[in-house]
C-alpha atoms as a PDB file:
ATOM      1  CA  MET A   1    -142.133  95.071-240.418  1.00  0.00           C
ATOM      2  CA  TRP A   2    -138.454  94.977-241.397  1.00  0.00           C
ATOM      3  CA  VAL A   3    -139.010  97.702-244.019  1.00  0.00           C
ATOM      4  CA  LEU A   4    -140.620  99.983-241.430  1.00  0.00           C
ATOM      5  CA  ALA A   5    -137.825  99.367-238.910  1.00  0.00           C
ATOM      6  CA  ARG A   6    -135.181  99.994-241.558  1.00  0.00           C
ATOM      7  CA  SER A   7    -136.929 103.184-242.686  1.00  0.00           C
ATOM      8  CA  LEU A   8    -137.035 104.465-239.111  1.00  0.00           C
ATOM      9  CA  LEU A   9    -133.345 103.727-238.650  1.00  0.00           C
ATOM     10  CA  ILE A  10    -132.491 105.501-241.884  1.00  0.00           C
ATOM     11  CA  ALA A  11    -134.573 108.516-240.909  1.00  0.00           C
ATOM     12  CA  ALA A  12    -133.009 108.589-237.443  1.00  0.00           C
ATOM     13  CA  GLY A  13    -129.565 108.583-239.025  1.00  0.00           C
ATOM     14  CA  LEU A  14    -130.578 111.376-241.376  1.00  0.00           C
ATOM     15  CA  PHE A  15    -132.028 113.687-238.769  1.00  0.00           C
ATOM     16  CA  ALA A  16    -129.914 112.930-235.704  1.00  0.00           C
ATOM     17  CA  PRO A  17    -127.392 115.685-235.056  1.00  0.00           C
ATOM     18  CA  SER A  18    -123.900 114.673-235.990  1.00  0.00           C
ATOM     19  CA  LEU A  19    -121.615 114.271-232.998  1.00  0.00           C
ATOM     20  CA  ALA A  20    -118.574 113.561-235.105  1.00  0.00           C
ATOM     21  CA  GLY A  21    -116.666 115.609-237.625  1.00  0.00           C
ATOM     22  CA  ALA A  22    -117.293 116.358-241.262  1.00  0.00           C
ATOM     23  CA  GLY A  23    -116.239 112.834-242.248  1.00  0.00           C
ATOM     24  CA  ASP A  24    -119.501 111.460-240.838  1.00  0.00           C
ATOM     25  CA  ARG A  25    -121.781 113.750-242.819  1.00  0.00           C
ATOM     26  CA  ARG A  26    -123.838 111.855-245.378  1.00  0.00           C
ATOM     27  CA  PRO A  27    -123.211 112.762-249.032  1.00  0.00           C
ATOM     28  CA  LEU A  28    -126.264 114.546-250.424  1.00  0.00           C
ATOM     29  CA  ALA A  29    -127.006 115.369-254.065  1.00  0.00           C
ATOM     30  CA  VAL A  30    -129.291 118.403-254.268  1.00  0.00           C
ATOM     31  CA  PHE A  31    -130.806 118.665-257.716  1.00  0.00           C
ATOM     32  CA  ASP A  32    -132.241 121.952-258.912  1.00  0.00           C
ATOM     33  CA  LEU A  33    -135.861 122.652-258.087  1.00  0.00           C
ATOM     34  CA  GLU A  34    -138.070 122.460-261.154  1.00  0.00           C
ATOM     35  CA  LEU A  35    -140.798 124.902-262.126  1.00  0.00           C
ATOM     36  CA  ILE A  36    -144.125 123.356-263.081  1.00  0.00           C
ATOM     37  CA  ASN A  37    -146.228 126.048-264.689  1.00  0.00           C
ATOM     38  CA  THR A  38    -149.896 125.077-264.708  1.00  0.00           C
ATOM     39  CA  SER A  39    -151.064 128.681-264.898  1.00  0.00           C
ATOM     40  CA  LEU A  40    -152.383 130.290-268.042  1.00  0.00           C
ATOM     41  CA  GLU A  41    -149.437 132.693-268.006  1.00  0.00           C
ATOM     42  CA  ALA A  42    -146.068 131.972-269.648  1.00  0.00           C
ATOM     43  CA  GLU A  43    -142.986 131.526-267.479  1.00  0.00           C
ATOM     44  CA  ARG A  44    -141.361 134.874-266.799  1.00  0.00           C
ATOM     45  CA  PRO A  45    -137.656 135.787-266.488  1.00  0.00           C
ATOM     46  CA  ASP A  46    -138.145 136.860-262.849  1.00  0.00           C
ATOM     47  CA  GLU A  47    -139.457 133.370-262.033  1.00  0.00           C
ATOM     48  CA  THR A  48    -136.374 131.796-263.594  1.00  0.00           C
ATOM     49  CA  GLN A  49    -134.247 134.095-261.405  1.00  0.00           C
ATOM     50  CA  ARG A  50    -136.279 133.173-258.307  1.00  0.00           C
ATOM     51  CA  LEU A  51    -135.804 129.499-259.043  1.00  0.00           C
ATOM     52  CA  ALA A  52    -132.022 130.040-259.221  1.00  0.00           C
ATOM     53  CA  MET A  53    -132.203 131.989-255.936  1.00  0.00           C
ATOM     54  CA  LEU A  54    -134.134 129.135-254.301  1.00  0.00           C
ATOM     55  CA  ASN A  55    -131.635 126.536-255.549  1.00  0.00           C
ATOM     56  CA  THR A  56    -128.774 128.496-253.991  1.00  0.00           C
ATOM     57  CA  MET A  57    -130.726 128.961-250.743  1.00  0.00           C
ATOM     58  CA  LEU A  58    -131.640 125.274-250.570  1.00  0.00           C
ATOM     59  CA  ARG A  59    -128.031 124.159-250.927  1.00  0.00           C
ATOM     60  CA  GLU A  60    -126.830 126.746-248.395  1.00  0.00           C
ATOM     61  CA  ARG A  61    -129.493 125.771-245.843  1.00  0.00           C
ATOM     62  CA  LEU A  62    -128.801 122.041-246.155  1.00  0.00           C
ATOM     63  CA  ALA A  63    -125.010 122.493-246.071  1.00  0.00           C
ATOM     64  CA  ALA A  64    -125.315 124.647-242.925  1.00  0.00           C
ATOM     65  CA  LEU A  65    -126.989 121.796-241.034  1.00  0.00           C
ATOM     66  CA  ASP A  66    -123.682 119.959-240.718  1.00  0.00           C
ATOM     67  CA  ARG A  67    -125.507 116.647-241.272  1.00  0.00           C
ATOM     68  CA  PHE A  68    -124.735 116.496-244.953  1.00  0.00           C
ATOM     69  CA  ARG A  69    -121.805 116.836-247.304  1.00  0.00           C
ATOM     70  CA  LEU A  70    -123.141 118.300-250.517  1.00  0.00           C
ATOM     71  CA  VAL A  71    -122.053 116.434-253.625  1.00  0.00           C
ATOM     72  CA  ASP A  72    -121.139 118.507-256.670  1.00  0.00           C
ATOM     73  CA  ILE A  73    -123.684 117.810-259.402  1.00  0.00           C
ATOM     74  CA  ALA A  74    -121.701 119.667-262.097  1.00  0.00           C
ATOM     75  CA  PRO A  75    -120.169 116.490-263.611  1.00  0.00           C
ATOM     76  CA  LEU A  76    -123.661 115.347-264.611  1.00  0.00           C
ATOM     77  CA  ARG A  77    -125.236 118.720-265.533  1.00  0.00           C
ATOM     78  CA  GLU A  78    -125.603 117.799-269.218  1.00  0.00           C
ATOM     79  CA  ARG A  79    -127.047 114.376-268.420  1.00  0.00           C
ATOM     80  CA  ILE A  80    -129.465 115.924-265.915  1.00  0.00           C
ATOM     81  CA  ALA A  81    -130.539 118.574-268.422  1.00  0.00           C
ATOM     82  CA  SER A  82    -131.252 115.918-271.058  1.00  0.00           C
ATOM     83  CA  SER A  83    -133.184 113.705-268.606  1.00  0.00           C
ATOM     84  CA  PRO A  84    -136.922 113.940-268.116  1.00  0.00           C
ATOM     85  CA  GLN A  85    -137.977 116.245-265.304  1.00  0.00           C
ATOM     86  CA  LEU A  86    -136.676 114.664-262.119  1.00  0.00           C
ATOM     87  CA  HIS A  87    -139.961 114.962-260.258  1.00  0.00           C
ATOM     88  CA  SER A  88    -141.592 112.569-262.722  1.00  0.00           C
ATOM     89  CA  CYS A  89    -138.793 110.384-264.085  1.00  0.00           C
ATOM     90  CA  ASN A  90    -139.663 107.206-262.170  1.00  0.00           C
ATOM     91  CA  GLY A  91    -136.480 106.967-260.107  1.00  0.00           C
ATOM     92  CA  CYS A  92    -133.888 108.406-262.486  1.00  0.00           C
ATOM     93  CA  GLU A  93    -132.864 110.837-259.714  1.00  0.00           C
ATOM     94  CA  LEU A  94    -131.629 107.826-257.712  1.00  0.00           C
ATOM     95  CA  ASP A  95    -129.452 106.652-260.614  1.00  0.00           C
ATOM     96  CA  LEU A  96    -128.029 110.145-261.091  1.00  0.00           C
ATOM     97  CA  ALA A  97    -127.327 110.535-257.368  1.00  0.00           C
ATOM     98  CA  ARG A  98    -125.741 107.074-257.231  1.00  0.00           C
ATOM     99  CA  ALA A  99    -123.450 108.022-260.145  1.00  0.00           C
ATOM    100  CA  LEU A 100    -122.353 111.069-258.110  1.00  0.00           C
ATOM    101  CA  GLY A 101    -121.601 108.951-255.024  1.00  0.00           C
ATOM    102  CA  ALA A 102    -124.484 110.376-252.972  1.00  0.00           C
ATOM    103  CA  GLU A 103    -126.315 108.462-250.240  1.00  0.00           C
ATOM    104  CA  ILE A 104    -129.242 110.903-250.162  1.00  0.00           C
ATOM    105  CA  VAL A 105    -130.904 112.836-252.970  1.00  0.00           C
ATOM    106  CA  ALA A 106    -133.053 115.960-252.749  1.00  0.00           C
ATOM    107  CA  THR A 107    -135.500 116.915-255.485  1.00  0.00           C
ATOM    108  CA  GLY A 108    -138.285 119.431-255.545  1.00  0.00           C
ATOM    109  CA  THR A 109    -140.668 121.560-257.489  1.00  0.00           C
ATOM    110  CA  VAL A 110    -142.300 124.945-257.473  1.00  0.00           C
ATOM    111  CA  GLN A 111    -145.727 124.727-259.060  1.00  0.00           C
ATOM    112  CA  LYS A 112    -147.190 127.953-260.347  1.00  0.00           C
ATOM    113  CA  VAL A 113    -150.962 127.622-260.218  1.00  0.00           C
ATOM    114  CA  SER A 114    -151.444 131.329-260.850  1.00  0.00           C
ATOM    115  CA  ASN A 115    -149.511 134.511-260.247  1.00  0.00           C
ATOM    116  CA  LEU A 116    -150.952 134.526-256.725  1.00  0.00           C
ATOM    117  CA  ILE A 117    -150.911 130.833-255.796  1.00  0.00           C
ATOM    118  CA  LEU A 118    -147.756 128.719-255.834  1.00  0.00           C
ATOM    119  CA  ASN A 119    -146.826 125.414-254.213  1.00  0.00           C
ATOM    120  CA  MET A 120    -143.358 124.146-253.204  1.00  0.00           C
ATOM    121  CA  ASN A 121    -142.458 120.494-252.712  1.00  0.00           C
ATOM    122  CA  LEU A 122    -139.263 118.886-251.474  1.00  0.00           C
ATOM    123  CA  VAL A 123    -138.392 115.202-251.119  1.00  0.00           C
ATOM    124  CA  LEU A 124    -135.254 113.611-249.677  1.00  0.00           C
ATOM    125  CA  LYS A 125    -134.690 109.949-250.517  1.00  0.00           C
ATOM    126  CA  ASP A 126    -132.239 107.304-249.431  1.00  0.00           C
ATOM    127  CA  VAL A 127    -130.334 106.485-252.635  1.00  0.00           C
ATOM    128  CA  PRO A 128    -129.654 102.759-252.020  1.00  0.00           C
ATOM    129  CA  THR A 129    -133.282 101.915-251.177  1.00  0.00           C
ATOM    130  CA  GLY A 130    -135.334 104.719-252.723  1.00  0.00           C
ATOM    131  CA  THR A 131    -137.063 105.174-249.364  1.00  0.00           C
ATOM    132  CA  VAL A 132    -138.492 108.641-248.772  1.00  0.00           C
ATOM    133  CA  LEU A 133    -136.692 110.051-245.740  1.00  0.00           C
ATOM    134  CA  SER A 134    -138.441 113.390-245.688  1.00  0.00           C
ATOM    135  CA  GLY A 135    -140.988 115.149-247.794  1.00  0.00           C
ATOM    136  CA  GLY A 136    -143.184 118.145-247.593  1.00  0.00           C
ATOM    137  CA  SER A 137    -145.235 120.747-249.357  1.00  0.00           C
ATOM    138  CA  VAL A 138    -146.164 124.360-248.673  1.00  0.00           C
ATOM    139  CA  ASP A 139    -148.474 126.763-250.423  1.00  0.00           C
ATOM    140  CA  ILE A 140    -147.362 130.332-250.831  1.00  0.00           C
ATOM    141  CA  ARG A 141    -149.216 133.436-251.840  1.00  0.00           C
ATOM    142  CA  GLY A 142    -147.557 135.994-254.032  1.00  0.00           C
ATOM    143  CA  ASN A 143    -145.064 135.585-256.837  1.00  0.00           C
ATOM    144  CA  ILE A 144    -142.286 137.711-255.344  1.00  0.00           C
ATOM    145  CA  ASP A 145    -138.807 137.001-253.985  1.00  0.00           C
ATOM    146  CA  GLU A 146    -139.862 137.347-250.345  1.00  0.00           C
ATOM    147  CA  SER A 147    -142.734 134.851-250.582  1.00  0.00           C
ATOM    148  CA  TRP A 148    -140.519 132.301-252.347  1.00  0.00           C
ATOM    149  CA  ARG A 149    -137.797 132.677-249.675  1.00  0.00           C
ATOM    150  CA  ARG A 150    -140.287 132.381-246.836  1.00  0.00           C
ATOM    151  CA  GLY A 151    -141.907 129.399-248.505  1.00  0.00           C
ATOM    152  CA  LEU A 152    -138.604 127.545-248.731  1.00  0.00           C
ATOM    153  CA  ASP A 153    -137.736 128.341-245.113  1.00  0.00           C
ATOM    154  CA  ARG A 154    -141.150 127.090-243.968  1.00  0.00           C
ATOM    155  CA  LEU A 155    -140.827 123.955-246.079  1.00  0.00           C
ATOM    156  CA  LEU A 156    -137.430 123.165-244.575  1.00  0.00           C
ATOM    157  CA  SER A 157    -138.481 123.958-241.006  1.00  0.00           C
ATOM    158  CA  ASN A 158    -141.600 121.775-241.342  1.00  0.00           C
ATOM    159  CA  GLN A 159    -139.275 118.881-242.203  1.00  0.00           C
ATOM    160  CA  GLY A 160    -136.898 119.608-239.334  1.00  0.00           C
ATOM    161  CA  LEU A 161    -134.214 120.681-241.768  1.00  0.00           C
ATOM    162  CA  VAL A 162    -133.802 124.251-240.539  1.00  0.00           C
ATOM    163  CA  PRO A 163    -133.458 124.847-236.848  1.00  0.00           C
ATOM    164  CA  VAL A 164    -135.988 127.333-235.516  1.00  0.00           C
ATOM    165  CA  ALA A 165    -135.346 128.809-232.063  1.00  0.00           C
ATOM    166  CA  PRO A 166    -138.046 128.224-229.424  1.00  0.00           C
ATOM    167  CA  GLY A 167    -140.749 130.862-229.607  1.00  0.00           C
ATOM    168  CA  GLN A 168    -139.858 131.744-233.224  1.00  0.00           C
ATOM    169  CA  THR A 169    -141.323 130.684-236.521  1.00  0.00           C
ATOM    170  CA  ALA A 170    -139.629 130.361-239.853  1.00  0.00           C
ATOM    171  CA  ARG A 171    -139.798 133.640-241.728  1.00  0.00           C
END
């Protein structure tokens, strides 16, 4: 019971709009999205570029919410690169985020099933407890810039992380 109550309080603190200034924004480490290629086709340079585009978009979208203060992950870039993939490292993302002084960590993947079918996943966790604060998945069709952008926007809006005006949908 206590764990559930604590999780709800953490989530409420994460998603409640900040009424105070920038000093109250929670420090968030956003690690690069990882490509999981389960297709029969080799990874292509345009997919590497799309992944970089998505990483920039993700950081911009989360920073624009004014709920978070993005933590610079550059000091640990080499350590992150030499770590196992963060989506399957059994909690190493929490240790890395803790070393950066973050209270929340965001990790995610883009899985390429085929050149037509892709899946995006994003998880935000509370660093001290490892509790999942938010998580989601979307399937996209088409391996082009526009479908990747729309997929990320939908993924964020489904988690309440991108405000969508009434009567509108995420692009």
